[in-house]
Amino acid sequence: MLSEKWQIAVATVCGTIFSIWLIYKLLLAWATKAYKQLIANNTVDVDEFVKSPPDAQSCLKVVILHKFNTLGFKPSKSTVPLKTIDSDKVDGLKVTQRAPEESELNSDTPPLVVGTIRMGFGHHRIAYATTSWGLDADSGRDTYFHDLLNIESPEGHMIHEVDKKYSKGSRMASEIGGIVEAMWGKITKSGDEDSLRVTYQWGELLRPILEGLDKNSPLIASHSLVAHAAVACGFKNVINLVIDNHAQWFVVVPGALNLVQGFSNYHSFLKMGVPPEDIQLAGHWIPKDLVEGIPEACKKRTLRAQSSPRKPLRLIIPVGGAGAQRKFVTNFVRALAPYVKEGKVQLFLNAGDHAHMKSAFIEALNDKDLDYDTVSSMKGVRAFKDKLMGGEEPDKPVTLFAYEDYFTAVATTDILCNVADVLACKPSELAFYPIPKLMIRRVGDHEEYSAIRASEVGDGSFEARTMDVALKYVDLFYEKPDLLTTMNKCIDDNNKIGIYDGCKNAVRIALERAGKDKDL
């Protein structure tokens, strides 16, 4: 027989367990009702798209994540007035902004809209790549660059706050490593049906930023949130450019045509249940000038690799938009110091618009007594490229590119690709670029599959997760010409069969769907 104290303890534990169970059941009941209220006015039935109505636990998950993402933001039926200005970076491009009062958009023909969100460099890079083909399409349409963060609005502020959380998570995972990196990696590759429900619901809240556009416009989105918002607004010709090479529900958009870069992603989405009419293989998201420069760039890289005496290996090391990778990248620079001093390697370091990365690079260079030049403007980086295109060498073995403006930070890597030998980057959107690549340590586990894609098509290495492996690839690139020459041959061959024509195809498809069948 239990003592009175034990009886009280057992009763307390049982009562606590029952109370928790009861609260949980009440939460599930509340969540089911809250979810139905949340989706009541949706334009798209996501549950029908995924062929899987949510159970009570999924309802609870979606409602909680939605509140966390949107910071208690309430949906608005307003329309943000818009106007366009001529881009000071890209000739012919129209950039949307908030108008002072009423909308000032007045195109006679619905424009080609390229929508994006400045969350990291990747989405912006892909959007600008798309506009390069749109401007060349001779479609009789203006090309709009519509960045939701460029439109002053409560919705834009909400996106910015969420992006700060994501960027902070990326940096912490990269710097701390271990269990934190593992947890972050798992989060970034676990995009199930509920993640699509959450993402679409977020897109519904962004409608005011797109309502002011002509809904007859073909709209190409480099971020799924933009495509969700466009579909919710009633756009009928929406193209969603799917990122990465890892199939997850939240990167596809019901009501849009989802274009993918590789075949494994294509059949993975079909296997998940995405309708065949909603998914299509397009190719890699690459800007026009980079694609058109492939034959000459591959020829020059091959000649450099086979030169005698051997010319230095030109290595681009960029930093992503979240500013993560500081620890690995700066240690990589330190490890490359002997190669630089021996004349084996030239470094092109792109710190982007991250002041902390500029400082970290300078500290690493000073630690190893490496002489360097600094480029800090678009004029400077273009002059640097032109000099190398003309057959000259950089003035110093290390060039640090660091800026205050976002566009130049993104564009620099693209500009340098055709005068560099190897791009050393995490397996992000750059994993699909037509340049030999050394894939270094990823930030999220979803990026792993992009490195595999690069290796499969012959233009990149597997992911080098340790410094020893990264340096082994540098040795292979420099000491033996075979790896570099083979990669460049693969790039040239890939180009001939259209692997790098993804953005070109996206524009063509969008215009065809709009009744403009133009030969790009």
Protein backbone atom coordinates (compact mmCIF):
# COMPACT_ATOMS: atom_id res chain seq x y z
CA MET A 1 0.00 0.00 0.00
CA LEU A 2 1.41 3.39 -1.06
CA SER A 3 2.01 5.98 1.60
CA GLU A 4 -0.11 9.09 1.63
CA LYS A 5 2.77 11.16 0.19
CA TRP A 6 3.19 8.73 -2.72
CA GLN A 7 -0.56 8.71 -3.34
CA ILE A 8 -0.55 12.49 -3.56
CA ALA A 9 2.50 12.45 -5.87
CA VAL A 10 0.94 9.84 -8.21
CA ALA A 11 -2.35 11.75 -8.26
CA THR A 12 -0.50 14.99 -9.06
CA VAL A 13 1.46 13.41 -11.92
CA CYS A 14 -1.66 11.77 -13.35
CA GLY A 15 -3.59 15.00 -13.01
CA THR A 16 -0.82 16.92 -14.77
CA ILE A 17 -0.62 14.41 -17.62
CA PHE A 18 -4.39 14.48 -18.02
CA SER A 19 -4.41 18.30 -17.99
CA ILE A 20 -1.70 18.44 -20.68
CA TRP A 21 -3.58 15.88 -22.77
CA LEU A 22 -6.82 17.82 -22.39
CA ILE A 23 -5.15 21.14 -23.30
CA TYR A 24 -3.57 19.48 -26.35
CA LYS A 25 -6.92 18.09 -27.49
CA LEU A 26 -8.52 21.49 -27.02
CA LEU A 27 -5.69 23.07 -29.02
CA LEU A 28 -6.24 20.57 -31.85
CA ALA A 29 -9.95 21.33 -31.88
CA TRP A 30 -9.24 25.06 -31.91
CA ALA A 31 -6.59 24.68 -34.65
CA THR A 32 -8.96 22.81 -36.96
CA LYS A 33 -11.47 25.62 -36.70
CA ALA A 34 -8.78 28.32 -36.95
CA TYR A 35 -7.34 26.71 -40.10
CA LYS A 36 -10.75 26.69 -41.80
CA GLN A 37 -11.17 30.37 -40.97
CA LEU A 38 -7.63 31.11 -42.22
CA ILE A 39 -8.23 29.63 -45.68
CA ALA A 40 -11.88 30.64 -46.06
CA ASN A 41 -11.24 33.40 -48.60
CA ASN A 42 -8.28 31.87 -50.43
CA THR A 43 -8.14 32.03 -54.22
CA VAL A 44 -6.45 28.61 -54.44
CA ASP A 45 -7.34 25.38 -52.67
CA VAL A 46 -3.93 24.12 -51.60
CA ASP A 47 -5.43 21.02 -49.98
CA GLU A 48 -6.85 20.00 -53.34
CA PHE A 49 -3.48 20.64 -55.02
CA VAL A 50 -1.56 18.37 -52.63
CA LYS A 51 -4.42 15.81 -52.60
CA SER A 52 -4.09 15.60 -48.83
CA PRO A 53 -6.43 17.48 -46.47
CA PRO A 54 -4.64 18.35 -43.22
CA ASP A 55 -5.26 16.47 -40.01
CA ALA A 56 -5.64 18.34 -36.73
CA GLN A 57 -1.90 18.30 -36.03
CA SER A 58 -1.16 19.79 -39.43
CA CYS A 59 -3.78 22.47 -38.83
CA LEU A 60 -2.08 23.39 -35.57
CA LYS A 61 1.34 23.48 -37.24
CA VAL A 62 0.11 25.70 -40.11
CA VAL A 63 -1.73 28.15 -37.86
CA ILE A 64 1.24 28.54 -35.48
CA LEU A 65 3.81 28.95 -38.30
CA HIS A 66 1.56 31.41 -40.09
CA LYS A 67 1.33 33.58 -36.98
CA PHE A 68 5.10 33.33 -36.47
CA ASN A 69 5.86 34.27 -40.10
CA THR A 70 3.41 37.12 -40.37
CA LEU A 71 4.02 38.63 -36.93
CA GLY A 72 0.28 39.07 -36.37
CA PHE A 73 -0.11 40.94 -39.69
CA LYS A 74 -3.73 41.33 -40.79
CA PRO A 75 -4.79 40.92 -44.45
CA SER A 76 -5.55 44.11 -46.33
CA LYS A 77 -7.82 44.74 -49.33
CA SER A 78 -5.91 47.88 -50.28
CA THR A 79 -3.82 48.32 -53.43
CA VAL A 80 -0.35 49.84 -53.24
CA PRO A 81 -0.09 52.53 -55.97
CA LEU A 82 2.82 51.88 -58.33
CA LYS A 83 5.03 53.71 -60.78
CA THR A 84 8.16 52.81 -62.74
CA ILE A 85 11.54 54.47 -63.13
CA ASP A 86 14.29 53.67 -65.60
CA SER A 87 16.93 51.43 -64.04
CA ASP A 88 20.28 53.14 -63.50
CA LYS A 89 21.95 49.70 -63.66
CA VAL A 90 20.37 47.94 -66.65
CA ASP A 91 19.56 49.77 -69.90
CA GLY A 92 15.90 49.54 -70.91
CA LEU A 93 14.71 47.98 -67.65
CA LYS A 94 11.78 49.53 -65.77
CA VAL A 95 11.94 49.27 -61.97
CA THR A 96 8.70 49.49 -60.00
CA GLN A 97 8.32 51.72 -56.97
CA ARG A 98 5.52 52.98 -54.79
CA ALA A 99 3.75 55.97 -56.34
CA PRO A 100 3.08 59.01 -54.11
CA GLU A 101 -0.71 58.75 -54.42
CA GLU A 102 -2.39 57.04 -57.38
CA SER A 103 -0.88 54.47 -59.73
CA GLU A 104 1.18 55.91 -62.57
CA LEU A 105 1.54 52.74 -64.66
CA ASN A 106 0.38 53.36 -68.21
CA SER A 107 1.85 50.76 -70.60
CA ASP A 108 -0.21 50.34 -73.78
CA THR A 109 0.70 46.65 -73.85
CA PRO A 110 0.78 44.58 -70.66
CA PRO A 111 4.45 44.44 -69.64
CA LEU A 112 6.55 41.37 -68.95
CA VAL A 113 6.84 41.42 -65.16
CA VAL A 114 9.77 39.73 -63.44
CA GLY A 115 8.89 39.49 -59.76
CA THR A 116 11.30 38.78 -56.95
CA ILE A 117 12.07 39.41 -53.28
CA ARG A 118 15.48 40.60 -52.16
CA MET A 119 15.97 37.77 -49.66
CA GLY A 120 19.60 36.76 -50.10
CA PHE A 121 21.38 37.20 -53.43
CA GLY A 122 19.96 34.15 -55.20
CA HIS A 123 16.42 35.29 -55.98
CA HIS A 124 17.65 38.68 -57.17
CA ARG A 125 20.36 37.09 -59.32
CA ILE A 126 17.83 34.82 -61.02
CA ALA A 127 15.42 37.73 -61.56
CA TYR A 128 18.06 39.89 -63.23
CA ALA A 129 19.11 36.92 -65.36
CA THR A 130 15.51 36.63 -66.52
CA THR A 131 15.21 40.32 -67.37
CA SER A 132 18.32 40.06 -69.57
CA TRP A 133 16.37 37.72 -71.86
CA GLY A 134 13.13 39.68 -71.53
CA LEU A 135 14.79 42.89 -72.70
CA ASP A 136 16.11 41.04 -75.76
CA ALA A 137 12.83 39.35 -76.66
CA ASP A 138 11.51 41.99 -79.09
CA SER A 139 8.03 41.37 -77.74
CA GLY A 140 6.76 44.93 -77.90
CA ARG A 141 6.43 44.88 -74.12
CA ASP A 142 8.23 46.79 -71.40
CA THR A 143 10.11 44.63 -68.92
CA TYR A 144 9.35 45.43 -65.27
CA PHE A 145 11.61 44.48 -62.37
CA HIS A 146 9.18 44.13 -59.48
CA ASP A 147 10.98 43.56 -56.16
CA LEU A 148 8.44 43.33 -53.36
CA LEU A 149 10.98 44.71 -50.88
CA ASN A 150 11.49 47.73 -53.15
CA ILE A 151 7.83 48.72 -52.70
CA GLU A 152 7.38 50.73 -49.51
CA SER A 153 4.45 49.05 -47.77
CA PRO A 154 3.44 47.27 -44.55
CA GLU A 155 3.65 43.99 -46.47
CA GLY A 156 7.22 44.75 -47.56
CA HIS A 157 8.16 45.54 -43.97
CA MET A 158 6.73 42.18 -42.87
CA ILE A 159 8.87 40.34 -45.45
CA HIS A 160 11.95 42.23 -44.31
CA GLU A 161 11.43 41.22 -40.69
CA VAL A 162 11.08 37.54 -41.59
CA ASP A 163 14.15 37.72 -43.84
CA LYS A 164 16.18 39.06 -40.91
CA LYS A 165 15.24 35.94 -38.93
CA TYR A 166 16.23 33.62 -41.80
CA SER A 167 19.54 35.41 -42.39
CA LYS A 168 20.37 35.28 -38.70
CA GLY A 169 19.58 31.55 -38.62
CA SER A 170 21.85 30.94 -41.64
CA ARG A 171 24.74 32.83 -40.08
CA MET A 172 24.38 31.11 -36.70
CA ALA A 173 24.25 27.66 -38.30
CA SER A 174 27.33 28.38 -40.38
CA GLU A 175 29.36 29.88 -37.54
CA ILE A 176 28.41 27.53 -34.69
CA GLY A 177 28.23 24.29 -36.67
CA GLY A 178 27.57 20.98 -34.92
CA ILE A 179 24.04 20.35 -33.67
CA VAL A 180 22.90 23.89 -34.60
CA GLU A 181 24.00 23.37 -38.21
CA ALA A 182 22.36 19.95 -38.28
CA MET A 183 19.07 21.34 -36.97
CA TRP A 184 19.11 24.22 -39.46
CA GLY A 185 19.91 21.81 -42.26
CA LYS A 186 16.97 19.62 -41.36
CA ILE A 187 14.64 22.64 -41.31
CA THR A 188 15.74 23.76 -44.79
CA LYS A 189 15.03 20.38 -46.41
CA SER A 190 11.77 19.40 -44.71
CA GLY A 191 9.33 21.24 -46.94
CA ASP A 192 6.22 19.04 -46.70
CA GLU A 193 2.60 19.81 -47.66
CA ASP A 194 2.19 21.96 -44.56
CA SER A 195 5.09 24.16 -45.65
CA LEU A 196 3.22 24.85 -48.90
CA ARG A 197 0.06 25.71 -46.95
CA VAL A 198 2.05 28.18 -44.83
CA THR A 199 3.85 29.71 -47.82
CA TYR A 200 0.69 30.14 -49.87
CA GLN A 201 -1.12 31.74 -46.94
CA TRP A 202 1.72 34.20 -46.62
CA GLY A 203 1.40 34.94 -50.33
CA GLU A 204 -2.27 35.83 -49.83
CA LEU A 205 -1.18 38.62 -47.49
CA LEU A 206 1.14 40.11 -50.14
CA ARG A 207 -1.61 40.77 -52.67
CA PRO A 208 -1.66 44.58 -52.18
CA ILE A 209 1.89 44.84 -53.62
CA LEU A 210 0.80 43.20 -56.89
CA GLU A 211 -2.80 44.36 -57.25
CA GLY A 212 -1.66 47.54 -59.00
CA LEU A 213 -0.08 45.65 -61.91
CA ASP A 214 -1.92 44.75 -65.12
CA LYS A 215 -3.21 41.22 -64.49
CA ASN A 216 -2.97 40.45 -68.21
CA SER A 217 0.81 40.70 -67.86
CA PRO A 218 2.93 37.57 -68.14
CA LEU A 219 4.63 37.33 -64.74
CA ILE A 220 7.82 35.35 -64.10
CA ALA A 221 8.66 34.91 -60.41
CA SER A 222 12.09 34.06 -59.03
CA HIS A 223 10.58 33.62 -55.55
CA SER A 224 7.60 31.36 -54.90
CA LEU A 225 6.00 33.96 -52.58
CA VAL A 226 5.69 36.35 -55.53
CA ALA A 227 4.09 33.63 -57.65
CA HIS A 228 1.67 32.74 -54.82
CA ALA A 229 0.66 36.38 -54.44
CA ALA A 230 0.22 36.76 -58.22
CA VAL A 231 -2.02 33.70 -58.45
CA ALA A 232 -4.01 34.94 -55.46
CA CYS A 233 -4.46 38.30 -57.24
CA GLY A 234 -5.87 36.62 -60.34
CA PHE A 235 -2.91 36.64 -62.74
CA LYS A 236 -3.47 33.83 -65.26
CA ASN A 237 0.00 33.66 -66.80
CA VAL A 238 2.34 33.03 -63.88
CA ILE A 239 5.70 31.27 -64.29
CA ASN A 240 7.45 30.12 -61.12
CA LEU A 241 11.21 29.51 -61.40
CA VAL A 242 11.89 26.70 -58.93
CA ILE A 243 15.10 27.11 -56.94
CA ASP A 244 17.65 24.45 -55.96
CA ASN A 245 17.65 20.81 -57.01
CA HIS A 246 15.73 19.37 -54.06
CA ALA A 247 12.00 18.83 -54.53
CA GLN A 248 9.96 20.34 -51.69
CA TRP A 249 6.30 21.32 -51.66
CA PHE A 250 6.83 24.93 -50.63
CA VAL A 251 8.85 25.84 -53.75
CA VAL A 252 6.02 24.95 -56.16
CA VAL A 253 2.99 27.14 -56.74
CA PRO A 254 -0.57 25.93 -57.42
CA GLY A 255 -2.06 27.87 -60.32
CA ALA A 256 1.34 28.63 -61.89
CA LEU A 257 3.54 26.83 -64.39
CA ASN A 258 6.51 25.65 -62.34
CA LEU A 259 9.77 25.45 -64.28
CA VAL A 260 12.70 23.39 -62.95
CA GLN A 261 16.39 23.35 -63.80
CA GLY A 262 17.12 19.62 -63.84
CA PHE A 263 15.52 16.30 -64.66
CA SER A 264 15.85 14.77 -61.18
CA ASN A 265 13.85 17.65 -59.75
CA TYR A 266 11.28 17.27 -62.53
CA HIS A 267 10.49 13.61 -61.91
CA SER A 268 10.72 14.07 -58.13
CA PHE A 269 7.91 16.63 -58.26
CA LEU A 270 5.85 14.32 -60.46
CA LYS A 271 6.38 11.52 -57.94
CA MET A 272 5.27 13.84 -55.13
CA GLY A 273 2.03 14.43 -56.97
CA VAL A 274 2.49 17.76 -58.77
CA PRO A 275 0.24 17.59 -61.87
CA PRO A 276 2.23 17.15 -65.13
CA GLU A 277 0.55 20.21 -66.64
CA ASP A 278 1.92 22.33 -63.75
CA ILE A 279 5.60 21.33 -64.05
CA GLN A 280 8.10 21.60 -66.89
CA LEU A 281 11.85 21.17 -67.42
CA ALA A 282 13.48 24.43 -68.59
CA GLY A 283 17.22 24.50 -67.87
CA HIS A 284 19.50 26.53 -65.60
CA TRP A 285 18.75 30.14 -64.62
CA ILE A 286 21.61 32.00 -66.34
CA PRO A 287 21.89 35.60 -67.69
CA LYS A 288 22.11 36.19 -71.42
CA ASP A 289 25.64 37.64 -71.61
CA LEU A 290 27.05 34.76 -69.57
CA VAL A 291 25.42 32.16 -71.84
CA GLU A 292 26.56 33.90 -74.99
CA GLY A 293 30.11 34.14 -73.63
CA ILE A 294 30.42 30.41 -72.90
CA PRO A 295 32.39 29.34 -76.02
CA GLU A 296 35.05 32.03 -75.67
CA ALA A 297 35.29 31.69 -71.86
CA CYS A 298 35.75 27.89 -72.07
CA LYS A 299 38.40 28.27 -74.75
CA LYS A 300 40.38 30.80 -72.71
CA ARG A 301 40.13 28.74 -69.51
CA THR A 302 41.36 25.66 -71.35
CA LEU A 303 44.34 27.55 -72.81
CA ARG A 304 45.22 28.88 -69.34
CA ALA A 305 45.03 25.38 -67.87
CA GLN A 306 47.33 24.01 -70.58
CA SER A 307 49.76 26.95 -70.56
CA SER A 308 53.48 26.45 -70.01
CA PRO A 309 54.64 27.87 -67.73
CA ARG A 310 51.33 27.37 -65.92
CA LYS A 311 49.37 30.57 -65.43
CA PRO A 312 47.81 31.23 -61.99
CA LEU A 313 44.44 29.67 -61.23
CA ARG A 314 41.86 32.46 -61.01
CA LEU A 315 39.51 31.65 -58.16
CA ILE A 316 36.30 33.61 -57.39
CA ILE A 317 35.13 33.32 -53.79
CA PRO A 318 31.78 35.10 -53.29
CA VAL A 319 29.72 35.47 -50.14
CA GLY A 320 25.95 34.88 -50.19
CA GLY A 321 23.28 37.45 -49.45
CA ALA A 322 22.73 36.26 -45.88
CA GLY A 323 26.39 36.89 -45.10
CA ALA A 324 26.90 33.38 -43.75
CA GLN A 325 30.06 31.24 -44.26
CA ARG A 326 32.39 33.82 -42.69
CA LYS A 327 34.34 31.26 -40.69
CA PHE A 328 34.82 28.69 -43.47
CA VAL A 329 35.51 31.20 -46.25
CA THR A 330 38.06 33.28 -44.32
CA ASN A 331 39.86 30.12 -43.19
CA PHE A 332 39.87 29.02 -46.83
CA VAL A 333 41.55 32.31 -47.79
CA ARG A 334 44.17 31.77 -45.09
CA ALA A 335 44.75 28.21 -46.30
CA LEU A 336 45.25 29.48 -49.86
CA ALA A 337 47.91 32.01 -48.84
CA PRO A 338 50.87 29.74 -49.75
CA TYR A 339 49.33 29.12 -53.20
CA VAL A 340 48.95 32.88 -53.73
CA LYS A 341 52.53 33.65 -52.64
CA GLU A 342 53.88 30.93 -54.94
CA GLY A 343 52.02 32.42 -57.89
CA LYS A 344 49.71 29.42 -58.28
CA VAL A 345 46.44 31.16 -57.42
CA GLN A 346 44.85 34.56 -57.93
CA LEU A 347 41.92 35.37 -55.64
CA PHE A 348 38.82 37.40 -56.53
CA LEU A 349 37.03 37.90 -53.21
CA ASN A 350 33.47 39.25 -53.40
CA ALA A 351 32.38 40.49 -49.98
CA GLY A 352 29.18 41.86 -51.52
CA ASP A 353 27.55 44.61 -49.48
CA HIS A 354 28.44 42.96 -46.15
CA ALA A 355 30.68 45.24 -44.09
CA HIS A 356 31.45 42.40 -41.67
CA MET A 357 32.66 40.18 -44.54
CA LYS A 358 34.83 42.96 -45.95
CA SER A 359 36.44 43.33 -42.52
CA ALA A 360 36.82 39.56 -42.16
CA PHE A 361 38.51 39.26 -45.56
CA ILE A 362 40.89 42.14 -44.79
CA GLU A 363 41.79 40.57 -41.44
CA ALA A 364 42.57 37.23 -43.13
CA LEU A 365 44.65 38.90 -45.85
CA ASN A 366 46.61 40.96 -43.31
CA ASP A 367 47.16 37.88 -41.13
CA LYS A 368 48.88 36.18 -44.07
CA ASP A 369 50.59 39.32 -45.39
CA LEU A 370 48.84 39.10 -48.76
CA ASP A 371 48.90 42.18 -50.98
CA TYR A 372 45.54 43.14 -52.48
CA ASP A 373 43.60 45.70 -54.48
CA THR A 374 40.07 46.84 -53.64
CA VAL A 375 37.26 47.45 -56.15
CA SER A 376 34.22 49.31 -54.81
CA SER A 377 32.11 50.38 -57.81
CA MET A 378 30.34 48.98 -60.87
CA LYS A 379 32.69 51.02 -63.05
CA GLY A 380 35.63 49.43 -61.28
CA VAL A 381 34.49 45.82 -61.66
CA ARG A 382 33.66 46.32 -65.35
CA ALA A 383 37.09 47.86 -65.95
CA PHE A 384 38.67 44.91 -64.12
CA LYS A 385 36.80 42.45 -66.36
CA ASP A 386 37.67 44.33 -69.55
CA LYS A 387 41.35 44.33 -68.58
CA LEU A 388 41.37 40.55 -68.12
CA MET A 389 39.31 39.98 -71.27
CA GLY A 390 42.06 41.86 -73.12
CA GLY A 391 44.63 39.31 -71.98
CA GLU A 392 46.19 41.22 -69.07
CA GLU A 393 46.65 39.99 -65.51
CA PRO A 394 45.39 41.66 -62.30
CA ASP A 395 47.78 44.20 -60.77
CA LYS A 396 47.90 42.24 -57.52
CA PRO A 397 47.38 38.55 -56.71
CA VAL A 398 44.28 39.28 -54.61
CA THR A 399 41.41 41.58 -55.53
CA LEU A 400 38.75 42.37 -52.92
CA PHE A 401 35.37 43.47 -54.25
CA ALA A 402 33.24 45.25 -51.63
CA TYR A 403 30.30 47.60 -52.10
CA GLU A 404 27.66 49.67 -50.40
CA ASP A 405 24.92 48.96 -52.95
CA TYR A 406 23.09 45.68 -53.35
CA PHE A 407 22.95 45.41 -57.15
CA THR A 408 26.70 45.66 -57.72
CA ALA A 409 27.26 43.15 -54.93
CA VAL A 410 25.06 40.62 -56.76
CA ALA A 411 26.26 41.45 -60.27
CA THR A 412 30.00 41.22 -59.55
CA THR A 413 30.12 37.42 -59.47
CA ASP A 414 28.21 37.24 -62.77
CA ILE A 415 30.55 39.79 -64.37
CA LEU A 416 33.69 37.95 -63.25
CA CYS A 417 32.62 34.43 -64.25
CA ASN A 418 33.85 34.65 -67.85
CA VAL A 419 37.33 35.87 -66.80
CA ALA A 420 37.83 33.40 -63.93
CA ASP A 421 38.92 29.76 -64.00
CA VAL A 422 36.97 28.41 -61.03
CA LEU A 423 34.05 29.61 -58.91
CA ALA A 424 34.38 28.47 -55.27
CA CYS A 425 30.95 28.81 -53.69
CA LYS A 426 28.37 27.04 -51.59
CA PRO A 427 25.89 24.98 -53.64
CA SER A 428 23.35 27.79 -54.02
CA GLU A 429 21.91 29.23 -57.25
CA LEU A 430 25.53 29.57 -58.40
CA ALA A 431 25.86 25.77 -58.48
CA PHE A 432 24.04 25.91 -61.83
CA TYR A 433 26.37 28.49 -63.42
CA PRO A 434 28.42 27.68 -66.57
CA ILE A 435 31.88 27.88 -65.01
CA PRO A 436 34.00 25.15 -63.39
CA LYS A 437 32.98 25.12 -59.74
CA LEU A 438 34.49 24.06 -56.45
CA MET A 439 31.45 23.46 -54.27
CA ILE A 440 32.37 24.38 -50.70
CA ARG A 441 30.52 23.83 -47.44
CA ARG A 442 26.75 24.33 -47.68
CA VAL A 443 24.62 26.42 -45.32
CA GLY A 444 21.35 24.45 -45.59
CA ASP A 445 20.99 20.73 -46.32
CA HIS A 446 18.73 21.44 -49.31
CA GLU A 447 21.83 22.81 -51.09
CA GLU A 448 23.51 19.39 -51.07
CA TYR A 449 21.48 18.31 -54.11
CA SER A 450 22.59 21.30 -56.18
CA ALA A 451 26.23 20.20 -55.78
CA ILE A 452 25.21 16.75 -56.98
CA ARG A 453 23.57 18.34 -60.02
CA ALA A 454 26.77 20.27 -60.83
CA SER A 455 28.83 17.09 -60.62
CA GLU A 456 26.36 15.14 -62.76
CA VAL A 457 26.43 17.64 -65.63
CA GLY A 458 30.22 17.87 -65.39
CA ASP A 459 30.69 21.54 -64.48
CA GLY A 460 31.33 21.25 -60.74
CA SER A 461 32.79 19.20 -57.92
CA PHE A 462 31.03 17.37 -55.16
CA GLU A 463 30.63 19.40 -51.99
CA ALA A 464 33.94 19.96 -50.19
CA ARG A 465 32.81 20.11 -46.56
CA THR A 466 36.32 20.21 -45.06
CA MET A 467 39.35 22.37 -45.77
CA ASP A 468 41.48 19.36 -46.71
CA VAL A 469 39.05 18.32 -49.43
CA ALA A 470 38.74 21.88 -50.75
CA LEU A 471 42.51 22.23 -51.01
CA LYS A 472 42.75 18.83 -52.70
CA TYR A 473 40.50 20.13 -55.46
CA VAL A 474 42.63 23.30 -55.76
CA ASP A 475 45.67 21.05 -56.24
CA LEU A 476 43.84 19.07 -58.92
CA PHE A 477 42.76 22.22 -60.73
CA TYR A 478 46.29 23.63 -60.77
CA GLU A 479 48.65 20.66 -61.00
CA LYS A 480 46.83 18.72 -63.71
CA PRO A 481 44.93 20.35 -66.58
CA ASP A 482 42.64 17.36 -67.11
CA LEU A 483 39.92 18.22 -64.58
CA LEU A 484 39.59 21.85 -65.71
CA THR A 485 39.72 21.03 -69.42
CA THR A 486 37.11 18.31 -68.99
CA MET A 487 34.81 20.63 -67.04
CA ASN A 488 35.11 23.29 -69.73
CA LYS A 489 34.36 20.76 -72.46
CA CYS A 490 31.27 19.65 -70.51
CA ILE A 491 30.14 23.28 -70.19
CA ASP A 492 30.58 23.82 -73.93
CA ASP A 493 28.67 20.61 -74.70
CA ASN A 494 25.94 21.45 -72.17
CA ASN A 495 25.51 24.83 -73.81
CA LYS A 496 24.99 23.27 -77.22
CA ILE A 497 22.03 21.23 -75.93
CA GLY A 498 20.47 24.13 -74.04
CA ILE A 499 21.15 23.18 -70.42
CA TYR A 500 21.89 26.83 -69.54
CA ASP A 501 18.84 28.21 -71.41
CA GLY A 502 16.43 28.16 -68.46
CA CYS A 503 15.75 31.91 -68.28
CA LYS A 504 15.61 32.14 -72.07
CA ASN A 505 13.01 29.37 -72.11
CA ALA A 506 11.05 30.93 -69.25
CA VAL A 507 10.67 34.19 -71.19
CA ARG A 508 9.78 32.34 -74.38
CA ILE A 509 7.12 30.25 -72.61
CA ALA A 510 5.66 33.28 -70.83
CA LEU A 511 5.36 35.20 -74.10
CA GLU A 512 3.91 32.21 -75.94
CA ARG A 513 1.28 31.85 -73.24
CA ALA A 514 0.56 35.54 -73.66
CA GLY A 515 0.07 35.05 -77.38
CA LYS A 516 3.50 36.34 -78.34
CA ASP A 517 5.42 33.52 -79.97
CA LYS A 518 8.79 35.20 -80.41
CA ASP A 519 12.02 33.61 -81.53
CA LEU A 520 14.60 34.69 -78.99
